[in-house]
Amino acid sequence: MPERLFVCTPSKLGAYEDCPRRYRFAYVDRPTPPKGPPWAHNSLGASVHTALRNWFGLPVRERGRGAVPTLLKATWVREGYRDLEQERAAYRRALGWLDGYLEGLDPAEEPLGVERVVAARTGVLAFNGRADRIDARTGAEGPEAVIVDYKTGRTGLGPDDARGSRALALYAYAAARIFRRPCQRVELHHLPSGAVASHEHTPESLARHVSRAEDTARDIVAAEKTLATGADPDEAFPARPGTLCGWCDFRSTCREGSATPPRAPWEGIDRSGGGEAGGAG
């Protein structure tokens, strides 16, 4: 019998690559171990992403910058902040980001998709994920699709970040098949700075990303089969202790991770002045 396709998202693959133990806690163990408190930087990032999604959902005539306060207030996530003062400062910061970003957009331009689920199959995996935005643009050879991912966290994003993003590459691979047009350009839009980090993939570079995703899927399947034979769960899914442990939702459950000093739920706001929405899913 042929092997079943491994169903995954970018975040599922990324969880295993970062730390197999975290993958096990999130996707294998049932019931799922208790998570830590919500993160303020995730709340901030999610609020901004949802406000942008809803802005594109407005009729064209209503897509003015004046709609931003109402949209952000309606989508604001309040969890994780140290206190009301920090939350209000983050809210004002997010308003500024959105106002500046939307100033550079043409309200009449309709993307191919906003928060669009894309999916594709290979011989190993069945991939699906949600792209922040997929633009319709005209390239040198005619109509093309462009993957746009919003970033609200760390500064210093560059072309290497866009080139190395597994999620964006998989989105491009899937979008080309869904929309039946080339999709090789991927962009990271950093709202706090207004910077855009981009990369133009080739069919070969996209194929390499897909191949590495398949390799990760094979590793996961092998680990799950080892676990099913009665192996020690901690050996089948070993921990990879490091700086990420302090930010892990399952830090208190993991012996190795709990040895790392914890991060406060609001610390991501203080450190970077921004936040992420949990990454590409």
C-alpha atoms as a PDB file:
ATOM      1  CA  MET A   1       0.000   0.000   0.000  1.00  0.00           C
ATOM      2  CA  PRO A   2       1.302   3.490  -0.796  1.00  0.00           C
ATOM      3  CA  GLU A   3       2.085   5.765   2.122  1.00  0.00           C
ATOM      4  CA  ARG A   4      -0.548   8.322   3.009  1.00  0.00           C
ATOM      5  CA  LEU A   5       0.296  11.890   2.167  1.00  0.00           C
ATOM      6  CA  PHE A   6       1.486  13.860   5.162  1.00  0.00           C
ATOM      7  CA  VAL A   7      -1.003  16.680   5.788  1.00  0.00           C
ATOM      8  CA  CYS A   8       0.740  19.807   6.986  1.00  0.00           C
ATOM      9  CA  THR A   9       0.982  23.580   7.203  1.00  0.00           C
ATOM     10  CA  PRO A  10       4.149  25.702   7.263  1.00  0.00           C
ATOM     11  CA  SER A  11       3.818  26.175  11.014  1.00  0.00           C
ATOM     12  CA  LYS A  12       3.535  22.409  11.537  1.00  0.00           C
ATOM     13  CA  LEU A  13       6.723  21.767   9.585  1.00  0.00           C
ATOM     14  CA  GLY A  14       8.449  24.682  11.282  1.00  0.00           C
ATOM     15  CA  ALA A  15       7.536  23.422  14.737  1.00  0.00           C
ATOM     16  CA  TYR A  16       9.352  20.149  14.087  1.00  0.00           C
ATOM     17  CA  GLU A  17      12.387  21.833  12.559  1.00  0.00           C
ATOM     18  CA  ASP A  18      12.671  24.195  15.529  1.00  0.00           C
ATOM     19  CA  CYS A  19      12.193  21.471  18.130  1.00  0.00           C
ATOM     20  CA  PRO A  20      10.755  17.940  17.689  1.00  0.00           C
ATOM     21  CA  ARG A  21       9.684  17.982  21.342  1.00  0.00           C
ATOM     22  CA  ARG A  22       7.548  21.076  20.777  1.00  0.00           C
ATOM     23  CA  TYR A  23       6.045  19.388  17.727  1.00  0.00           C
ATOM     24  CA  ARG A  24       5.092  16.387  19.827  1.00  0.00           C
ATOM     25  CA  PHE A  25       3.438  18.525  22.477  1.00  0.00           C
ATOM     26  CA  ALA A  26       1.474  20.497  19.874  1.00  0.00           C
ATOM     27  CA  TYR A  27       0.495  17.799  17.362  1.00  0.00           C
ATOM     28  CA  VAL A  28       0.974  14.316  18.823  1.00  0.00           C
ATOM     29  CA  ASP A  29       0.247  14.217  22.547  1.00  0.00           C
ATOM     30  CA  ARG A  30      -3.406  13.997  23.498  1.00  0.00           C
ATOM     31  CA  PRO A  31      -4.558  15.676  25.556  1.00  0.00           C
ATOM     32  CA  THR A  32      -2.288  18.534  24.564  1.00  0.00           C
ATOM     33  CA  PRO A  33      -0.126  19.661  27.501  1.00  0.00           C
ATOM     34  CA  PRO A  34      -1.177  22.980  29.054  1.00  0.00           C
ATOM     35  CA  LYS A  35       0.231  26.037  27.352  1.00  0.00           C
ATOM     36  CA  GLY A  36       1.672  29.106  29.008  1.00  0.00           C
ATOM     37  CA  PRO A  37      -0.039  32.508  29.027  1.00  0.00           C
ATOM     38  CA  PRO A  38      -0.784  34.373  25.776  1.00  0.00           C
ATOM     39  CA  TRP A  39       1.977  36.525  24.279  1.00  0.00           C
ATOM     40  CA  ALA A  40       1.470  40.258  23.823  1.00  0.00           C
ATOM     41  CA  HIS A  41       3.477  40.334  20.595  1.00  0.00           C
ATOM     42  CA  ASN A  42       1.168  37.692  19.122  1.00  0.00           C
ATOM     43  CA  SER A  43      -1.864  39.727  20.191  1.00  0.00           C
ATOM     44  CA  LEU A  44      -0.464  42.847  18.553  1.00  0.00           C
ATOM     45  CA  GLY A  45       0.442  41.056  15.343  1.00  0.00           C
ATOM     46  CA  ALA A  46      -2.935  39.327  15.102  1.00  0.00           C
ATOM     47  CA  SER A  47      -4.773  42.622  15.651  1.00  0.00           C
ATOM     48  CA  VAL A  48      -2.894  44.327  12.824  1.00  0.00           C
ATOM     49  CA  HIS A  49      -3.277  41.384  10.430  1.00  0.00           C
ATOM     50  CA  THR A  50      -7.030  41.188  11.012  1.00  0.00           C
ATOM     51  CA  ALA A  51      -7.485  44.933  10.593  1.00  0.00           C
ATOM     52  CA  LEU A  52      -5.735  44.748   7.206  1.00  0.00           C
ATOM     53  CA  ARG A  53      -7.861  41.797   6.151  1.00  0.00           C
ATOM     54  CA  ASN A  54     -11.034  43.688   7.060  1.00  0.00           C
ATOM     55  CA  TRP A  55      -9.814  46.826   5.245  1.00  0.00           C
ATOM     56  CA  PHE A  56      -9.691  44.868   1.994  1.00  0.00           C
ATOM     57  CA  GLY A  57     -13.142  43.529   2.809  1.00  0.00           C
ATOM     58  CA  LEU A  58     -14.635  47.033   2.705  1.00  0.00           C
ATOM     59  CA  PRO A  59     -16.230  48.440  -0.455  1.00  0.00           C
ATOM     60  CA  VAL A  60     -13.625  50.359  -2.463  1.00  0.00           C
ATOM     61  CA  ARG A  61     -15.244  53.715  -1.685  1.00  0.00           C
ATOM     62  CA  GLU A  62     -14.832  53.061   2.060  1.00  0.00           C
ATOM     63  CA  ARG A  63     -11.148  52.012   1.943  1.00  0.00           C
ATOM     64  CA  GLY A  64      -9.778  55.249   3.286  1.00  0.00           C
ATOM     65  CA  ARG A  65      -7.189  55.672   6.006  1.00  0.00           C
ATOM     66  CA  GLY A  66      -9.969  57.102   8.141  1.00  0.00           C
ATOM     67  CA  ALA A  67     -11.399  53.600   8.502  1.00  0.00           C
ATOM     68  CA  VAL A  68      -8.295  52.392  10.344  1.00  0.00           C
ATOM     69  CA  PRO A  69      -9.212  53.364  13.952  1.00  0.00           C
ATOM     70  CA  THR A  70     -12.590  51.652  13.728  1.00  0.00           C
ATOM     71  CA  LEU A  71     -11.122  48.527  12.139  1.00  0.00           C
ATOM     72  CA  LEU A  72      -8.280  48.202  14.634  1.00  0.00           C
ATOM     73  CA  LYS A  73     -10.528  48.817  17.629  1.00  0.00           C
ATOM     74  CA  ALA A  74     -12.898  46.099  16.430  1.00  0.00           C
ATOM     75  CA  THR A  75     -10.092  43.549  16.013  1.00  0.00           C
ATOM     76  CA  TRP A  76      -7.918  44.490  18.979  1.00  0.00           C
ATOM     77  CA  VAL A  77      -6.694  41.535  21.067  1.00  0.00           C
ATOM     78  CA  ARG A  78      -5.954  42.581  24.651  1.00  0.00           C
ATOM     79  CA  GLU A  79      -4.188  39.490  25.987  1.00  0.00           C
ATOM     80  CA  GLY A  80      -0.629  39.345  27.245  1.00  0.00           C
ATOM     81  CA  TYR A  81       0.175  42.974  27.934  1.00  0.00           C
ATOM     82  CA  ARG A  82       1.925  43.986  31.132  1.00  0.00           C
ATOM     83  CA  ASP A  83      -0.609  46.691  31.963  1.00  0.00           C
ATOM     84  CA  LEU A  84      -3.058  49.131  30.421  1.00  0.00           C
ATOM     85  CA  GLU A  85      -0.323  51.673  29.753  1.00  0.00           C
ATOM     86  CA  GLN A  86       1.681  49.243  27.624  1.00  0.00           C
ATOM     87  CA  GLU A  87      -1.436  48.110  25.795  1.00  0.00           C
ATOM     88  CA  ARG A  88      -2.439  51.674  24.941  1.00  0.00           C
ATOM     89  CA  ALA A  89       1.057  52.459  23.701  1.00  0.00           C
ATOM     90  CA  ALA A  90       0.953  49.357  21.491  1.00  0.00           C
ATOM     91  CA  TYR A  91      -2.450  50.364  20.146  1.00  0.00           C
ATOM     92  CA  ARG A  92      -1.204  53.833  19.196  1.00  0.00           C
ATOM     93  CA  ARG A  93       1.866  52.298  17.583  1.00  0.00           C
ATOM     94  CA  ALA A  94      -0.292  49.906  15.548  1.00  0.00           C
ATOM     95  CA  LEU A  95      -2.501  52.784  14.369  1.00  0.00           C
ATOM     96  CA  GLY A  96       0.585  54.561  13.087  1.00  0.00           C
ATOM     97  CA  TRP A  97       1.834  51.461  11.282  1.00  0.00           C
ATOM     98  CA  LEU A  98      -1.489  50.897   9.539  1.00  0.00           C
ATOM     99  CA  ASP A  99      -1.928  54.535   8.602  1.00  0.00           C
ATOM    100  CA  GLY A 100       1.528  54.697   7.061  1.00  0.00           C
ATOM    101  CA  TYR A 101       1.178  51.384   5.255  1.00  0.00           C
ATOM    102  CA  LEU A 102      -2.231  52.095   3.759  1.00  0.00           C
ATOM    103  CA  GLU A 103      -1.040  55.464   2.509  1.00  0.00           C
ATOM    104  CA  GLY A 104       1.021  53.567  -0.044  1.00  0.00           C
ATOM    105  CA  LEU A 105      -1.796  51.288  -1.246  1.00  0.00           C
ATOM    106  CA  ASP A 106      -4.296  51.937  -4.014  1.00  0.00           C
ATOM    107  CA  PRO A 107      -7.741  51.189  -2.540  1.00  0.00           C
ATOM    108  CA  ALA A 108      -9.045  50.263  -5.990  1.00  0.00           C
ATOM    109  CA  GLU A 109      -6.555  47.455  -6.514  1.00  0.00           C
ATOM    110  CA  GLU A 110      -8.135  44.108  -5.703  1.00  0.00           C
ATOM    111  CA  PRO A 111      -5.750  41.312  -4.644  1.00  0.00           C
ATOM    112  CA  LEU A 112      -6.231  37.796  -5.929  1.00  0.00           C
ATOM    113  CA  GLY A 113      -6.699  36.772  -2.323  1.00  0.00           C
ATOM    114  CA  VAL A 114      -6.614  38.128   1.224  1.00  0.00           C
ATOM    115  CA  GLU A 115      -6.040  35.629   4.036  1.00  0.00           C
ATOM    116  CA  ARG A 116      -6.410  33.114   1.211  1.00  0.00           C
ATOM    117  CA  VAL A 117      -5.989  29.404   1.872  1.00  0.00           C
ATOM    118  CA  VAL A 118      -3.776  27.771  -0.746  1.00  0.00           C
ATOM    119  CA  ALA A 119      -3.048  24.080  -1.062  1.00  0.00           C
ATOM    120  CA  ALA A 120      -1.029  21.669  -3.158  1.00  0.00           C
ATOM    121  CA  ARG A 121      -0.004  18.023  -3.193  1.00  0.00           C
ATOM    122  CA  THR A 122       3.285  16.345  -3.925  1.00  0.00           C
ATOM    123  CA  GLY A 123       4.242  12.713  -3.826  1.00  0.00           C
ATOM    124  CA  VAL A 124       4.889  13.021  -0.085  1.00  0.00           C
ATOM    125  CA  LEU A 125       2.771  15.767   1.445  1.00  0.00           C
ATOM    126  CA  ALA A 126      -0.571  17.527   1.183  1.00  0.00           C
ATOM    127  CA  PHE A 127       0.202  21.104   2.039  1.00  0.00           C
ATOM    128  CA  ASN A 128      -2.174  23.919   2.943  1.00  0.00           C
ATOM    129  CA  GLY A 129      -1.637  27.359   4.398  1.00  0.00           C
ATOM    130  CA  ARG A 130      -3.115  30.824   4.639  1.00  0.00           C
ATOM    131  CA  ALA A 131      -1.316  33.619   2.782  1.00  0.00           C
ATOM    132  CA  ASP A 132      -1.739  37.145   4.134  1.00  0.00           C
ATOM    133  CA  ARG A 133      -2.212  38.519   0.636  1.00  0.00           C
ATOM    134  CA  ILE A 134      -1.749  37.389  -2.956  1.00  0.00           C
ATOM    135  CA  ASP A 135      -1.389  40.276  -5.380  1.00  0.00           C
ATOM    136  CA  ALA A 136      -2.211  40.291  -9.082  1.00  0.00           C
ATOM    137  CA  ARG A 137       0.585  42.079 -10.926  1.00  0.00           C
ATOM    138  CA  THR A 138       2.017  42.313 -14.415  1.00  0.00           C
ATOM    139  CA  GLY A 139       5.515  40.993 -14.844  1.00  0.00           C
ATOM    140  CA  ALA A 140       7.898  40.897 -17.781  1.00  0.00           C
ATOM    141  CA  GLU A 141       6.027  37.945 -19.274  1.00  0.00           C
ATOM    142  CA  GLY A 142       2.478  38.983 -18.411  1.00  0.00           C
ATOM    143  CA  PRO A 143       0.116  38.450 -15.456  1.00  0.00           C
ATOM    144  CA  GLU A 144       1.659  36.956 -12.340  1.00  0.00           C
ATOM    145  CA  ALA A 145       0.826  36.373  -8.687  1.00  0.00           C
ATOM    146  CA  VAL A 146       2.926  37.757  -5.827  1.00  0.00           C
ATOM    147  CA  ILE A 147       2.901  36.457  -2.259  1.00  0.00           C
ATOM    148  CA  VAL A 148       2.795  39.214   0.396  1.00  0.00           C
ATOM    149  CA  ASP A 149       3.422  38.499   4.066  1.00  0.00           C
ATOM    150  CA  TYR A 150       2.981  41.175   6.753  1.00  0.00           C
ATOM    151  CA  LYS A 151       5.589  41.484   9.488  1.00  0.00           C
ATOM    152  CA  THR A 152       5.176  43.525  12.665  1.00  0.00           C
ATOM    153  CA  GLY A 153       8.103  42.246  14.706  1.00  0.00           C
ATOM    154  CA  ARG A 154      11.855  42.425  14.485  1.00  0.00           C
ATOM    155  CA  THR A 155      13.614  44.913  12.271  1.00  0.00           C
ATOM    156  CA  GLY A 156      16.439  44.221   9.852  1.00  0.00           C
ATOM    157  CA  LEU A 157      14.507  41.954   7.469  1.00  0.00           C
ATOM    158  CA  GLY A 158      16.282  41.568   4.149  1.00  0.00           C
ATOM    159  CA  PRO A 159      16.236  39.606   0.884  1.00  0.00           C
ATOM    160  CA  ASP A 160      17.733  36.561   2.619  1.00  0.00           C
ATOM    161  CA  ASP A 161      14.714  36.408   4.942  1.00  0.00           C
ATOM    162  CA  ALA A 162      12.357  36.411   1.958  1.00  0.00           C
ATOM    163  CA  ARG A 163      14.508  33.910   0.059  1.00  0.00           C
ATOM    164  CA  GLY A 164      14.767  31.537   3.025  1.00  0.00           C
ATOM    165  CA  SER A 165      11.110  31.565   4.074  1.00  0.00           C
ATOM    166  CA  ARG A 166       9.759  28.050   3.610  1.00  0.00           C
ATOM    167  CA  ALA A 167       6.189  29.245   4.104  1.00  0.00           C
ATOM    168  CA  LEU A 168       6.352  31.888   1.379  1.00  0.00           C
ATOM    169  CA  ALA A 169       7.952  29.458  -1.059  1.00  0.00           C
ATOM    170  CA  LEU A 170       5.256  26.859  -0.444  1.00  0.00           C
ATOM    171  CA  TYR A 171       2.549  29.514  -0.826  1.00  0.00           C
ATOM    172  CA  ALA A 172       4.077  30.524  -4.178  1.00  0.00           C
ATOM    173  CA  TYR A 173       4.277  26.897  -5.300  1.00  0.00           C
ATOM    174  CA  ALA A 174       0.596  26.363  -4.460  1.00  0.00           C
ATOM    175  CA  ALA A 175      -0.669  29.721  -5.742  1.00  0.00           C
ATOM    176  CA  ALA A 176       0.824  29.149  -9.192  1.00  0.00           C
ATOM    177  CA  ARG A 177      -1.262  26.003  -9.506  1.00  0.00           C
ATOM    178  CA  ILE A 178      -4.444  27.526  -8.104  1.00  0.00           C
ATOM    179  CA  PHE A 179      -4.426  30.741 -10.135  1.00  0.00           C
ATOM    180  CA  ARG A 180      -2.736  29.224 -13.196  1.00  0.00           C
ATOM    181  CA  ARG A 181      -0.221  32.010 -13.536  1.00  0.00           C
ATOM    182  CA  PRO A 182       3.448  32.326 -12.574  1.00  0.00           C
ATOM    183  CA  CYS A 183       4.068  32.977  -8.894  1.00  0.00           C
ATOM    184  CA  GLN A 184       7.731  33.332  -8.063  1.00  0.00           C
ATOM    185  CA  ARG A 185       8.031  36.689  -6.285  1.00  0.00           C
ATOM    186  CA  VAL A 186       7.593  36.715  -2.507  1.00  0.00           C
ATOM    187  CA  GLU A 187       7.615  39.824  -0.302  1.00  0.00           C
ATOM    188  CA  LEU A 188       7.868  40.555   3.420  1.00  0.00           C
ATOM    189  CA  HIS A 189       6.192  43.868   4.246  1.00  0.00           C
ATOM    190  CA  HIS A 190       7.548  45.227   7.545  1.00  0.00           C
ATOM    191  CA  LEU A 191       4.866  47.601   8.767  1.00  0.00           C
ATOM    192  CA  PRO A 192       6.834  49.359  11.548  1.00  0.00           C
ATOM    193  CA  SER A 193       9.551  50.517   9.135  1.00  0.00           C
ATOM    194  CA  GLY A 194       7.729  50.451   5.804  1.00  0.00           C
ATOM    195  CA  ALA A 195      10.520  48.276   4.374  1.00  0.00           C
ATOM    196  CA  VAL A 196       9.837  45.530   1.833  1.00  0.00           C
ATOM    197  CA  ALA A 197      12.152  42.524   1.626  1.00  0.00           C
ATOM    198  CA  SER A 198      11.620  40.566  -1.580  1.00  0.00           C
ATOM    199  CA  HIS A 199      12.973  37.618  -3.505  1.00  0.00           C
ATOM    200  CA  GLU A 200      12.347  36.328  -6.999  1.00  0.00           C
ATOM    201  CA  HIS A 201      12.278  32.552  -6.916  1.00  0.00           C
ATOM    202  CA  THR A 202      13.005  30.298  -9.836  1.00  0.00           C
ATOM    203  CA  PRO A 203      11.246  26.997 -10.510  1.00  0.00           C
ATOM    204  CA  GLU A 204      14.421  25.323  -9.250  1.00  0.00           C
ATOM    205  CA  SER A 205      14.539  27.242  -5.947  1.00  0.00           C
ATOM    206  CA  LEU A 206      10.850  26.546  -5.302  1.00  0.00           C
ATOM    207  CA  ALA A 207      11.488  22.865  -6.013  1.00  0.00           C
ATOM    208  CA  ARG A 208      14.302  22.878  -3.452  1.00  0.00           C
ATOM    209  CA  HIS A 209      11.978  24.322  -0.801  1.00  0.00           C
ATOM    210  CA  VAL A 210       9.361  21.689  -1.599  1.00  0.00           C
ATOM    211  CA  SER A 211      12.003  18.953  -1.421  1.00  0.00           C
ATOM    212  CA  ARG A 212      13.175  20.117   2.008  1.00  0.00           C
ATOM    213  CA  ALA A 213       9.571  20.248   3.204  1.00  0.00           C
ATOM    214  CA  GLU A 214       9.172  16.648   2.034  1.00  0.00           C
ATOM    215  CA  ASP A 215      12.339  15.651   3.898  1.00  0.00           C
ATOM    216  CA  THR A 216      10.940  17.175   7.091  1.00  0.00           C
ATOM    217  CA  ALA A 217       7.641  15.359   6.548  1.00  0.00           C
ATOM    218  CA  ARG A 218       9.503  12.048   6.184  1.00  0.00           C
ATOM    219  CA  ASP A 219      11.391  12.716   9.426  1.00  0.00           C
ATOM    220  CA  ILE A 220       8.128  13.413  11.238  1.00  0.00           C
ATOM    221  CA  VAL A 221       6.473  10.263   9.909  1.00  0.00           C
ATOM    222  CA  ALA A 222       9.516   8.212  10.941  1.00  0.00           C
ATOM    223  CA  ALA A 223       9.421   9.679  14.460  1.00  0.00           C
ATOM    224  CA  GLU A 224       5.702   8.975  14.785  1.00  0.00           C
ATOM    225  CA  LYS A 225       6.220   5.365  13.657  1.00  0.00           C
ATOM    226  CA  THR A 226       9.019   4.955  16.191  1.00  0.00           C
ATOM    227  CA  LEU A 227       6.729   6.276  18.895  1.00  0.00           C
ATOM    228  CA  ALA A 228       3.985   3.856  17.832  1.00  0.00           C
ATOM    229  CA  THR A 229       6.335   0.910  18.393  1.00  0.00           C
ATOM    230  CA  GLY A 230       6.635   1.843  22.066  1.00  0.00           C
ATOM    231  CA  ALA A 231       9.769   4.003  21.993  1.00  0.00           C
ATOM    232  CA  ASP A 232      10.411   6.580  24.682  1.00  0.00           C
ATOM    233  CA  PRO A 233       8.519   9.707  23.550  1.00  0.00           C
ATOM    234  CA  ASP A 234      11.382  11.967  24.622  1.00  0.00           C
ATOM    235  CA  GLU A 235      13.802   9.963  22.494  1.00  0.00           C
ATOM    236  CA  ALA A 236      11.515   9.795  19.476  1.00  0.00           C
ATOM    237  CA  PHE A 237      10.962  13.543  19.691  1.00  0.00           C
ATOM    238  CA  PRO A 238      14.091  15.016  21.321  1.00  0.00           C
ATOM    239  CA  ALA A 239      14.273  18.561  22.625  1.00  0.00           C
ATOM    240  CA  ARG A 240      16.530  21.149  21.034  1.00  0.00           C
ATOM    241  CA  PRO A 241      17.306  23.517  23.906  1.00  0.00           C
ATOM    242  CA  GLY A 242      18.201  27.052  22.938  1.00  0.00           C
ATOM    243  CA  THR A 243      17.119  30.658  23.051  1.00  0.00           C
ATOM    244  CA  LEU A 244      13.669  29.796  21.691  1.00  0.00           C
ATOM    245  CA  CYS A 245      12.861  27.799  24.825  1.00  0.00           C
ATOM    246  CA  GLY A 246      12.107  30.956  26.778  1.00  0.00           C
ATOM    247  CA  TRP A 247       9.348  31.781  24.285  1.00  0.00           C
ATOM    248  CA  CYS A 248       7.902  28.259  24.004  1.00  0.00           C
ATOM    249  CA  ASP A 249       4.262  27.688  24.934  1.00  0.00           C
ATOM    250  CA  PHE A 250       5.239  24.324  26.445  1.00  0.00           C
ATOM    251  CA  ARG A 251       8.301  25.450  28.390  1.00  0.00           C
ATOM    252  CA  SER A 252       6.895  24.394  31.780  1.00  0.00           C
ATOM    253  CA  THR A 253       6.137  20.879  30.478  1.00  0.00           C
ATOM    254  CA  CYS A 254       9.581  20.240  29.001  1.00  0.00           C
ATOM    255  CA  ARG A 255      12.443  19.224  31.299  1.00  0.00           C
ATOM    256  CA  GLU A 256      15.129  20.729  29.073  1.00  0.00           C
ATOM    257  CA  GLY A 257      13.129  23.822  28.227  1.00  0.00           C
ATOM    258  CA  SER A 258      12.245  24.619  31.819  1.00  0.00           C
ATOM    259  CA  ALA A 259      15.945  25.032  32.562  1.00  0.00           C
ATOM    260  CA  THR A 260      15.907  28.138  30.345  1.00  0.00           C
ATOM    261  CA  PRO A 261      14.886  31.440  31.991  1.00  0.00           C
ATOM    262  CA  PRO A 262      11.276  32.249  31.077  1.00  0.00           C
ATOM    263  CA  ARG A 263      10.226  35.267  29.062  1.00  0.00           C
ATOM    264  CA  ALA A 264       7.471  37.521  30.335  1.00  0.00           C
ATOM    265  CA  PRO A 265       4.360  37.498  28.112  1.00  0.00           C
ATOM    266  CA  TRP A 266       4.845  41.182  27.301  1.00  0.00           C
ATOM    267  CA  GLU A 267       8.608  41.077  26.778  1.00  0.00           C
ATOM    268  CA  GLY A 268       8.388  40.769  22.999  1.00  0.00           C
ATOM    269  CA  ILE A 269       6.758  44.200  22.893  1.00  0.00           C
ATOM    270  CA  ASP A 270       9.508  45.794  24.970  1.00  0.00           C
ATOM    271  CA  ARG A 271      12.343  44.104  23.080  1.00  0.00           C
ATOM    272  CA  SER A 272      11.326  44.803  19.511  1.00  0.00           C
ATOM    273  CA  GLY A 273       8.602  47.406  19.671  1.00  0.00           C
ATOM    274  CA  GLY A 274       6.529  45.091  17.532  1.00  0.00           C
ATOM    275  CA  GLY A 275       4.915  41.703  17.406  1.00  0.00           C
ATOM    276  CA  GLU A 276       4.195  38.724  15.252  1.00  0.00           C
ATOM    277  CA  ALA A 277       0.974  36.972  14.547  1.00  0.00           C
ATOM    278  CA  GLY A 278       2.236  33.519  15.173  1.00  0.00           C
ATOM    279  CA  GLY A 279       4.026  33.211  11.905  1.00  0.00           C
ATOM    280  CA  ALA A 280       2.808  31.830   8.610  1.00  0.00           C
ATOM    281  CA  GLY A 281       0.191  29.188   9.143  1.00  0.00           C
END
